[in-house]
Amino acid sequence: MTWLELAAIALAGIGAGFVNTLAGSGTLLTFPTLLAFGVPPVTANVSNNIGLVPGALSAAWGWRAELRHQKRRLLRLAPASLVGGLVGAVLLLVLPAEAFEAVVPVLVALGLVLVAVQPWINRRINARAQEGIEPRDHWTTIPAVAATGVYGGYFGAAQGILLVGALGITTGEPVHATNAMKNALSAVVNSVAAAVFVLVAEVDWLIVLVIGVGSVVGSLVGSRVGRRLPAALLRGFILVMGTTALVVFLTR
């Protein structure tokens, strides 16, 4: 892999860390970049997942103030994310590579749809808060978090948006609180999946290192200044990169 390619991957890692801190879908930046440079899909997914763990942990730390009133909820939901992430990681390794290659375009398309409808999800969440609805967990919160964990352990693109939508709808918490919880739970999913991949999967450690450093830088920047960016601009960038991923897969 050339220095130019590594630089492009590092930039994608920075963007992924930044985007994941704010909304999720950072994998839609790093994953198509790896595919464009000829990295096999499963190896790209595994290495990308491990590389994004440091950024996920940094994002959770960056939003710690919004988590302070949700400590009990985090303790209730973290086991669901852990189990879901473990199941998703095992499915990635057990199912044939052909199955992953077949399902990824569908998952990327789902991620793009979720990115596109995120403003509607946020409006629903904010409307509940303005109506004075007391935030509380619905009985569907834990199953929804577990299912999102399976998705995140298997692929991960738009896992954050799935979590924000599920948490916002089932708990009634405002956007900033759900985003903070999303960062913490995503870190749980990514970490447990990464642990599985390190033990049994084929990992490109150079890619892990480059994405890992980039994702930490991006997440730290996102935690500090990311909220100032227009949401429409950020969402449009993700949609462009996600569309690139679809094109790459469909033309391989």
C-alpha atoms as a PDB file:
ATOM      1  CA  MET A   1       0.000   0.000   0.000  1.00  0.00           C
ATOM      2  CA  THR A   2       1.450   3.377  -1.034  1.00  0.00           C
ATOM      3  CA  TRP A   3       1.897   6.433   1.182  1.00  0.00           C
ATOM      4  CA  LEU A   4      -0.757   8.231  -0.842  1.00  0.00           C
ATOM      5  CA  GLU A   5      -3.252   5.446  -0.166  1.00  0.00           C
ATOM      6  CA  LEU A   6      -2.368   5.440   3.544  1.00  0.00           C
ATOM      7  CA  ALA A   7      -2.856   9.217   3.658  1.00  0.00           C
ATOM      8  CA  ALA A   8      -6.288   8.839   2.062  1.00  0.00           C
ATOM      9  CA  ILE A   9      -7.216   6.147   4.608  1.00  0.00           C
ATOM     10  CA  ALA A  10      -6.014   8.397   7.450  1.00  0.00           C
ATOM     11  CA  LEU A  11      -8.189  11.243   6.181  1.00  0.00           C
ATOM     12  CA  ALA A  12     -11.146   8.862   5.947  1.00  0.00           C
ATOM     13  CA  GLY A  13     -10.421   7.776   9.538  1.00  0.00           C
ATOM     14  CA  ILE A  14     -10.455  11.391  10.710  1.00  0.00           C
ATOM     15  CA  GLY A  15     -13.747  11.938   8.909  1.00  0.00           C
ATOM     16  CA  ALA A  16     -15.193   8.736  10.357  1.00  0.00           C
ATOM     17  CA  GLY A  17     -14.233   9.690  13.904  1.00  0.00           C
ATOM     18  CA  PHE A  18     -15.734  13.128  13.396  1.00  0.00           C
ATOM     19  CA  VAL A  19     -18.953  11.857  11.838  1.00  0.00           C
ATOM     20  CA  ASN A  20     -19.398   9.048  14.369  1.00  0.00           C
ATOM     21  CA  THR A  21     -19.121  11.517  17.242  1.00  0.00           C
ATOM     22  CA  LEU A  22     -21.949  13.612  15.847  1.00  0.00           C
ATOM     23  CA  ALA A  23     -24.302  11.260  14.084  1.00  0.00           C
ATOM     24  CA  GLY A  24     -22.905   7.845  13.190  1.00  0.00           C
ATOM     25  CA  SER A  25     -22.219   6.390   9.727  1.00  0.00           C
ATOM     26  CA  GLY A  26     -18.475   6.986   9.820  1.00  0.00           C
ATOM     27  CA  THR A  27     -18.012   3.522   8.326  1.00  0.00           C
ATOM     28  CA  LEU A  28     -19.568   4.916   5.156  1.00  0.00           C
ATOM     29  CA  LEU A  29     -16.387   6.989   4.844  1.00  0.00           C
ATOM     30  CA  THR A  30     -13.689   4.444   5.706  1.00  0.00           C
ATOM     31  CA  PHE A  31     -15.217   1.283   4.248  1.00  0.00           C
ATOM     32  CA  PRO A  32     -15.587   2.465   0.622  1.00  0.00           C
ATOM     33  CA  THR A  33     -12.091   3.974   0.818  1.00  0.00           C
ATOM     34  CA  LEU A  34     -10.633   0.583   1.735  1.00  0.00           C
ATOM     35  CA  LEU A  35     -12.628  -1.119  -1.015  1.00  0.00           C
ATOM     36  CA  ALA A  36     -11.392   1.412  -3.572  1.00  0.00           C
ATOM     37  CA  PHE A  37      -7.808   0.444  -2.718  1.00  0.00           C
ATOM     38  CA  GLY A  38      -8.500  -3.237  -3.264  1.00  0.00           C
ATOM     39  CA  VAL A  39      -8.831  -4.465   0.322  1.00  0.00           C
ATOM     40  CA  PRO A  40     -11.062  -7.597   0.439  1.00  0.00           C
ATOM     41  CA  PRO A  41     -14.515  -6.769   1.874  1.00  0.00           C
ATOM     42  CA  VAL A  42     -14.375  -8.921   5.026  1.00  0.00           C
ATOM     43  CA  THR A  43     -10.795  -7.890   5.827  1.00  0.00           C
ATOM     44  CA  ALA A  44     -11.781  -4.268   5.240  1.00  0.00           C
ATOM     45  CA  ASN A  45     -14.769  -4.579   7.558  1.00  0.00           C
ATOM     46  CA  VAL A  46     -12.797  -6.301  10.320  1.00  0.00           C
ATOM     47  CA  SER A  47      -9.804  -3.931  10.154  1.00  0.00           C
ATOM     48  CA  ASN A  48     -12.084  -0.918   9.947  1.00  0.00           C
ATOM     49  CA  ASN A  49     -14.050  -2.044  13.000  1.00  0.00           C
ATOM     50  CA  ILE A  50     -10.921  -2.478  15.119  1.00  0.00           C
ATOM     51  CA  GLY A  51      -9.466   0.800  13.875  1.00  0.00           C
ATOM     52  CA  LEU A  52     -12.559   2.771  14.856  1.00  0.00           C
ATOM     53  CA  VAL A  53     -12.588   1.509  18.465  1.00  0.00           C
ATOM     54  CA  PRO A  54     -10.203   4.201  19.810  1.00  0.00           C
ATOM     55  CA  GLY A  55     -12.332   6.873  18.162  1.00  0.00           C
ATOM     56  CA  ALA A  56     -15.521   5.392  19.630  1.00  0.00           C
ATOM     57  CA  LEU A  57     -14.012   5.435  23.125  1.00  0.00           C
ATOM     58  CA  SER A  58     -12.844   9.027  22.603  1.00  0.00           C
ATOM     59  CA  ALA A  59     -16.322  10.038  21.450  1.00  0.00           C
ATOM     60  CA  ALA A  60     -17.925   8.502  24.540  1.00  0.00           C
ATOM     61  CA  TRP A  61     -15.479  10.411  26.731  1.00  0.00           C
ATOM     62  CA  GLY A  62     -16.106  13.645  24.825  1.00  0.00           C
ATOM     63  CA  TRP A  63     -19.850  13.422  25.565  1.00  0.00           C
ATOM     64  CA  ARG A  64     -19.474  12.354  29.208  1.00  0.00           C
ATOM     65  CA  ALA A  65     -21.292  15.450  30.507  1.00  0.00           C
ATOM     66  CA  GLU A  66     -24.493  14.380  28.728  1.00  0.00           C
ATOM     67  CA  LEU A  67     -24.145  10.885  30.183  1.00  0.00           C
ATOM     68  CA  ARG A  68     -24.044  11.909  33.833  1.00  0.00           C
ATOM     69  CA  HIS A  69     -27.810  11.732  34.358  1.00  0.00           C
ATOM     70  CA  GLN A  70     -28.036   8.466  32.396  1.00  0.00           C
ATOM     71  CA  LYS A  71     -25.632   6.260  34.344  1.00  0.00           C
ATOM     72  CA  ARG A  72     -28.338   3.780  35.366  1.00  0.00           C
ATOM     73  CA  ARG A  73     -29.670   3.562  31.815  1.00  0.00           C
ATOM     74  CA  LEU A  74     -26.168   2.938  30.501  1.00  0.00           C
ATOM     75  CA  LEU A  75     -25.702   0.082  32.990  1.00  0.00           C
ATOM     76  CA  ARG A  76     -29.031  -1.437  31.878  1.00  0.00           C
ATOM     77  CA  LEU A  77     -28.368  -1.129  28.147  1.00  0.00           C
ATOM     78  CA  ALA A  78     -24.648  -1.893  27.911  1.00  0.00           C
ATOM     79  CA  PRO A  79     -25.152  -5.681  28.343  1.00  0.00           C
ATOM     80  CA  ALA A  80     -27.620  -5.675  25.433  1.00  0.00           C
ATOM     81  CA  SER A  81     -25.071  -3.905  23.239  1.00  0.00           C
ATOM     82  CA  LEU A  82     -22.365  -6.309  24.361  1.00  0.00           C
ATOM     83  CA  VAL A  83     -24.400  -9.423  23.528  1.00  0.00           C
ATOM     84  CA  GLY A  84     -25.623  -7.945  20.250  1.00  0.00           C
ATOM     85  CA  GLY A  85     -22.124  -6.951  19.166  1.00  0.00           C
ATOM     86  CA  LEU A  86     -20.823 -10.418  19.999  1.00  0.00           C
ATOM     87  CA  VAL A  87     -23.563 -12.107  17.964  1.00  0.00           C
ATOM     88  CA  GLY A  88     -22.977  -9.786  15.007  1.00  0.00           C
ATOM     89  CA  ALA A  89     -19.221 -10.397  15.041  1.00  0.00           C
ATOM     90  CA  VAL A  90     -19.734 -14.173  15.144  1.00  0.00           C
ATOM     91  CA  LEU A  91     -22.196 -13.999  12.252  1.00  0.00           C
ATOM     92  CA  LEU A  92     -19.638 -12.105  10.181  1.00  0.00           C
ATOM     93  CA  LEU A  93     -17.072 -14.839  10.769  1.00  0.00           C
ATOM     94  CA  VAL A  94     -19.425 -17.833  10.456  1.00  0.00           C
ATOM     95  CA  LEU A  95     -21.322 -16.797   7.348  1.00  0.00           C
ATOM     96  CA  PRO A  96     -19.462 -17.170   4.036  1.00  0.00           C
ATOM     97  CA  ALA A  97     -17.710 -14.138   2.560  1.00  0.00           C
ATOM     98  CA  GLU A  98     -20.103 -14.316  -0.385  1.00  0.00           C
ATOM     99  CA  ALA A  99     -23.019 -13.685   1.980  1.00  0.00           C
ATOM    100  CA  PHE A 100     -21.316 -10.563   3.305  1.00  0.00           C
ATOM    101  CA  GLU A 101     -20.600  -9.290  -0.194  1.00  0.00           C
ATOM    102  CA  ALA A 102     -24.244  -9.879  -1.130  1.00  0.00           C
ATOM    103  CA  VAL A 103     -25.756  -8.191   1.913  1.00  0.00           C
ATOM    104  CA  VAL A 104     -23.441  -5.178   2.240  1.00  0.00           C
ATOM    105  CA  PRO A 105     -25.041  -3.184  -0.614  1.00  0.00           C
ATOM    106  CA  VAL A 106     -28.390  -3.640   1.144  1.00  0.00           C
ATOM    107  CA  LEU A 107     -26.896  -2.550   4.467  1.00  0.00           C
ATOM    108  CA  VAL A 108     -25.241   0.487   2.893  1.00  0.00           C
ATOM    109  CA  ALA A 109     -28.523   1.416   1.205  1.00  0.00           C
ATOM    110  CA  LEU A 110     -30.294   1.068   4.563  1.00  0.00           C
ATOM    111  CA  GLY A 111     -27.661   3.307   6.107  1.00  0.00           C
ATOM    112  CA  LEU A 112     -28.236   5.936   3.425  1.00  0.00           C
ATOM    113  CA  VAL A 113     -31.989   5.842   4.031  1.00  0.00           C
ATOM    114  CA  LEU A 114     -31.393   6.287   7.759  1.00  0.00           C
ATOM    115  CA  VAL A 115     -29.104   9.243   7.124  1.00  0.00           C
ATOM    116  CA  ALA A 116     -31.694  10.793   4.819  1.00  0.00           C
ATOM    117  CA  VAL A 117     -34.551  10.441   7.328  1.00  0.00           C
ATOM    118  CA  GLN A 118     -32.484  11.496  10.343  1.00  0.00           C
ATOM    119  CA  PRO A 119     -33.997  15.030  10.369  1.00  0.00           C
ATOM    120  CA  TRP A 120     -37.461  13.462  10.687  1.00  0.00           C
ATOM    121  CA  ILE A 121     -36.246  11.251  13.556  1.00  0.00           C
ATOM    122  CA  ASN A 122     -34.735  14.267  15.311  1.00  0.00           C
ATOM    123  CA  ARG A 123     -37.958  16.247  14.891  1.00  0.00           C
ATOM    124  CA  ARG A 124     -39.906  13.410  16.500  1.00  0.00           C
ATOM    125  CA  ILE A 125     -37.488  13.317  19.419  1.00  0.00           C
ATOM    126  CA  ASN A 126     -37.562  17.090  19.933  1.00  0.00           C
ATOM    127  CA  ALA A 127     -41.367  17.163  19.637  1.00  0.00           C
ATOM    128  CA  ARG A 128     -41.662  14.650  22.466  1.00  0.00           C
ATOM    129  CA  ALA A 129     -39.390  16.773  24.631  1.00  0.00           C
ATOM    130  CA  GLN A 130     -41.350  19.956  23.880  1.00  0.00           C
ATOM    131  CA  GLU A 131     -44.603  18.205  24.741  1.00  0.00           C
ATOM    132  CA  GLY A 132     -43.224  17.575  28.202  1.00  0.00           C
ATOM    133  CA  ILE A 133     -43.183  13.777  27.860  1.00  0.00           C
ATOM    134  CA  GLU A 134     -41.100  12.386  30.708  1.00  0.00           C
ATOM    135  CA  PRO A 135     -38.109  10.445  29.340  1.00  0.00           C
ATOM    136  CA  ARG A 136     -38.324   6.790  30.335  1.00  0.00           C
ATOM    137  CA  ASP A 137     -37.388   3.434  28.901  1.00  0.00           C
ATOM    138  CA  HIS A 138     -40.032   1.524  26.962  1.00  0.00           C
ATOM    139  CA  TRP A 139     -40.060  -2.284  27.099  1.00  0.00           C
ATOM    140  CA  THR A 140     -38.728  -2.263  23.535  1.00  0.00           C
ATOM    141  CA  THR A 141     -35.603  -0.265  24.399  1.00  0.00           C
ATOM    142  CA  ILE A 142     -33.404  -3.207  25.382  1.00  0.00           C
ATOM    143  CA  PRO A 143     -34.428  -5.437  22.398  1.00  0.00           C
ATOM    144  CA  ALA A 144     -33.899  -2.498  20.032  1.00  0.00           C
ATOM    145  CA  VAL A 145     -30.442  -1.825  21.464  1.00  0.00           C
ATOM    146  CA  ALA A 146     -29.543  -5.532  21.220  1.00  0.00           C
ATOM    147  CA  ALA A 147     -30.701  -5.726  17.585  1.00  0.00           C
ATOM    148  CA  THR A 148     -28.703  -2.626  16.745  1.00  0.00           C
ATOM    149  CA  GLY A 149     -25.709  -4.265  18.418  1.00  0.00           C
ATOM    150  CA  VAL A 150     -26.038  -7.292  16.116  1.00  0.00           C
ATOM    151  CA  TYR A 151     -26.079  -4.958  13.124  1.00  0.00           C
ATOM    152  CA  GLY A 152     -23.101  -3.008  14.476  1.00  0.00           C
ATOM    153  CA  GLY A 153     -21.041  -6.118  15.162  1.00  0.00           C
ATOM    154  CA  TYR A 154     -21.752  -7.440  11.671  1.00  0.00           C
ATOM    155  CA  PHE A 155     -21.206  -4.271   9.652  1.00  0.00           C
ATOM    156  CA  GLY A 156     -21.641  -1.049  11.629  1.00  0.00           C
ATOM    157  CA  ALA A 157     -22.440   1.600   9.017  1.00  0.00           C
ATOM    158  CA  ALA A 158     -25.235   3.825  10.383  1.00  0.00           C
ATOM    159  CA  GLN A 159     -25.230   1.911  13.670  1.00  0.00           C
ATOM    160  CA  GLY A 160     -25.162   5.277  15.427  1.00  0.00           C
ATOM    161  CA  ILE A 161     -28.188   6.575  13.577  1.00  0.00           C
ATOM    162  CA  LEU A 162     -30.076   3.364  14.324  1.00  0.00           C
ATOM    163  CA  LEU A 163     -29.248   3.833  18.005  1.00  0.00           C
ATOM    164  CA  VAL A 164     -30.208   7.509  18.078  1.00  0.00           C
ATOM    165  CA  GLY A 165     -33.542   6.688  16.460  1.00  0.00           C
ATOM    166  CA  ALA A 166     -34.255   3.713  18.709  1.00  0.00           C
ATOM    167  CA  LEU A 167     -33.258   5.487  21.908  1.00  0.00           C
ATOM    168  CA  GLY A 168     -35.029   8.704  21.038  1.00  0.00           C
ATOM    169  CA  ILE A 169     -38.299   6.992  20.168  1.00  0.00           C
ATOM    170  CA  THR A 170     -38.286   4.496  23.045  1.00  0.00           C
ATOM    171  CA  THR A 171     -36.966   6.749  25.838  1.00  0.00           C
ATOM    172  CA  GLY A 172     -38.105  10.254  24.905  1.00  0.00           C
ATOM    173  CA  GLU A 173     -34.708  11.738  25.771  1.00  0.00           C
ATOM    174  CA  PRO A 174     -33.601  14.839  23.788  1.00  0.00           C
ATOM    175  CA  VAL A 175     -31.127  14.574  20.938  1.00  0.00           C
ATOM    176  CA  HIS A 176     -27.987  15.483  22.868  1.00  0.00           C
ATOM    177  CA  ALA A 177     -28.715  12.868  25.540  1.00  0.00           C
ATOM    178  CA  THR A 178     -29.466  10.143  22.994  1.00  0.00           C
ATOM    179  CA  ASN A 179     -26.358  11.049  21.002  1.00  0.00           C
ATOM    180  CA  ALA A 180     -24.209  10.713  24.114  1.00  0.00           C
ATOM    181  CA  MET A 181     -25.768   7.328  24.917  1.00  0.00           C
ATOM    182  CA  LYS A 182     -25.286   6.296  21.288  1.00  0.00           C
ATOM    183  CA  ASN A 183     -21.568   7.022  21.530  1.00  0.00           C
ATOM    184  CA  ALA A 184     -21.210   4.968  24.710  1.00  0.00           C
ATOM    185  CA  LEU A 185     -23.179   1.971  23.414  1.00  0.00           C
ATOM    186  CA  SER A 186     -21.440   2.060  20.028  1.00  0.00           C
ATOM    187  CA  ALA A 187     -18.124   1.901  21.872  1.00  0.00           C
ATOM    188  CA  VAL A 188     -19.346  -1.236  23.664  1.00  0.00           C
ATOM    189  CA  VAL A 189     -20.424  -2.900  20.399  1.00  0.00           C
ATOM    190  CA  ASN A 190     -17.262  -1.970  18.527  1.00  0.00           C
ATOM    191  CA  SER A 191     -15.023  -3.083  21.387  1.00  0.00           C
ATOM    192  CA  VAL A 192     -16.554  -6.538  21.834  1.00  0.00           C
ATOM    193  CA  ALA A 193     -16.631  -7.131  18.072  1.00  0.00           C
ATOM    194  CA  ALA A 194     -13.016  -5.995  17.809  1.00  0.00           C
ATOM    195  CA  ALA A 195     -12.017  -8.429  20.576  1.00  0.00           C
ATOM    196  CA  VAL A 196     -13.541 -11.301  18.587  1.00  0.00           C
ATOM    197  CA  PHE A 197     -11.900 -10.196  15.342  1.00  0.00           C
ATOM    198  CA  VAL A 198      -8.458  -9.868  16.957  1.00  0.00           C
ATOM    199  CA  LEU A 199      -8.653 -13.460  18.148  1.00  0.00           C
ATOM    200  CA  VAL A 200      -9.874 -15.235  15.036  1.00  0.00           C
ATOM    201  CA  ALA A 201     -10.109 -12.977  11.963  1.00  0.00           C
ATOM    202  CA  GLU A 202      -7.663 -11.829   9.317  1.00  0.00           C
ATOM    203  CA  VAL A 203      -6.654  -8.291  10.290  1.00  0.00           C
ATOM    204  CA  ASP A 204      -4.604  -5.731   8.374  1.00  0.00           C
ATOM    205  CA  TRP A 205      -2.829  -4.057  11.309  1.00  0.00           C
ATOM    206  CA  LEU A 206      -1.404  -1.216   9.236  1.00  0.00           C
ATOM    207  CA  ILE A 207      -4.937  -0.201   8.275  1.00  0.00           C
ATOM    208  CA  VAL A 208      -6.002  -0.552  11.923  1.00  0.00           C
ATOM    209  CA  LEU A 209      -3.202   1.773  13.039  1.00  0.00           C
ATOM    210  CA  VAL A 210      -3.899   4.416  10.407  1.00  0.00           C
ATOM    211  CA  ILE A 211      -7.662   4.435  10.945  1.00  0.00           C
ATOM    212  CA  GLY A 212      -7.226   4.282  14.723  1.00  0.00           C
ATOM    213  CA  VAL A 213      -5.066   7.404  14.883  1.00  0.00           C
ATOM    214  CA  GLY A 214      -7.312   9.221  12.445  1.00  0.00           C
ATOM    215  CA  SER A 215     -10.517   8.290  14.258  1.00  0.00           C
ATOM    216  CA  VAL A 216      -9.198   9.601  17.595  1.00  0.00           C
ATOM    217  CA  VAL A 217      -8.276  12.930  16.013  1.00  0.00           C
ATOM    218  CA  GLY A 218     -11.655  13.161  14.305  1.00  0.00           C
ATOM    219  CA  SER A 219     -13.634  12.259  17.414  1.00  0.00           C
ATOM    220  CA  LEU A 220     -11.808  14.828  19.550  1.00  0.00           C
ATOM    221  CA  VAL A 221     -12.465  17.532  16.984  1.00  0.00           C
ATOM    222  CA  GLY A 222     -16.090  16.427  16.621  1.00  0.00           C
ATOM    223  CA  SER A 223     -16.672  16.554  20.367  1.00  0.00           C
ATOM    224  CA  ARG A 224     -15.431  20.143  20.512  1.00  0.00           C
ATOM    225  CA  VAL A 225     -16.518  21.954  17.368  1.00  0.00           C
ATOM    226  CA  GLY A 226     -18.670  19.578  15.337  1.00  0.00           C
ATOM    227  CA  ARG A 227     -21.999  20.912  16.583  1.00  0.00           C
ATOM    228  CA  ARG A 228     -21.281  24.205  14.789  1.00  0.00           C
ATOM    229  CA  LEU A 229     -21.412  22.628  11.325  1.00  0.00           C
ATOM    230  CA  PRO A 230     -24.679  22.752   9.353  1.00  0.00           C
ATOM    231  CA  ALA A 231     -26.384  19.378   9.686  1.00  0.00           C
ATOM    232  CA  ALA A 232     -27.419  19.405   6.025  1.00  0.00           C
ATOM    233  CA  LEU A 233     -23.802  19.754   4.872  1.00  0.00           C
ATOM    234  CA  LEU A 234     -22.646  16.876   7.047  1.00  0.00           C
ATOM    235  CA  ARG A 235     -25.547  14.667   5.958  1.00  0.00           C
ATOM    236  CA  GLY A 236     -24.923  15.422   2.285  1.00  0.00           C
ATOM    237  CA  PHE A 237     -21.271  14.407   2.640  1.00  0.00           C
ATOM    238  CA  ILE A 238     -22.259  11.080   4.177  1.00  0.00           C
ATOM    239  CA  LEU A 239     -24.787  10.441   1.422  1.00  0.00           C
ATOM    240  CA  VAL A 240     -22.136  11.055  -1.233  1.00  0.00           C
ATOM    241  CA  MET A 241     -19.715   8.642   0.412  1.00  0.00           C
ATOM    242  CA  GLY A 242     -22.410   6.026   0.941  1.00  0.00           C
ATOM    243  CA  THR A 243     -23.428   6.254  -2.692  1.00  0.00           C
ATOM    244  CA  THR A 244     -19.765   5.739  -3.582  1.00  0.00           C
ATOM    245  CA  ALA A 245     -19.780   2.546  -1.523  1.00  0.00           C
ATOM    246  CA  LEU A 246     -22.806   1.272  -3.432  1.00  0.00           C
ATOM    247  CA  VAL A 247     -21.201   2.054  -6.775  1.00  0.00           C
ATOM    248  CA  VAL A 248     -17.963   0.307  -5.753  1.00  0.00           C
ATOM    249  CA  PHE A 249     -19.819  -2.833  -4.698  1.00  0.00           C
ATOM    250  CA  LEU A 250     -22.147  -2.975  -7.673  1.00  0.00           C
ATOM    251  CA  THR A 251     -19.320  -2.503 -10.196  1.00  0.00           C
ATOM    252  CA  ARG A 252     -16.786  -4.934  -8.702  1.00  0.00           C
END
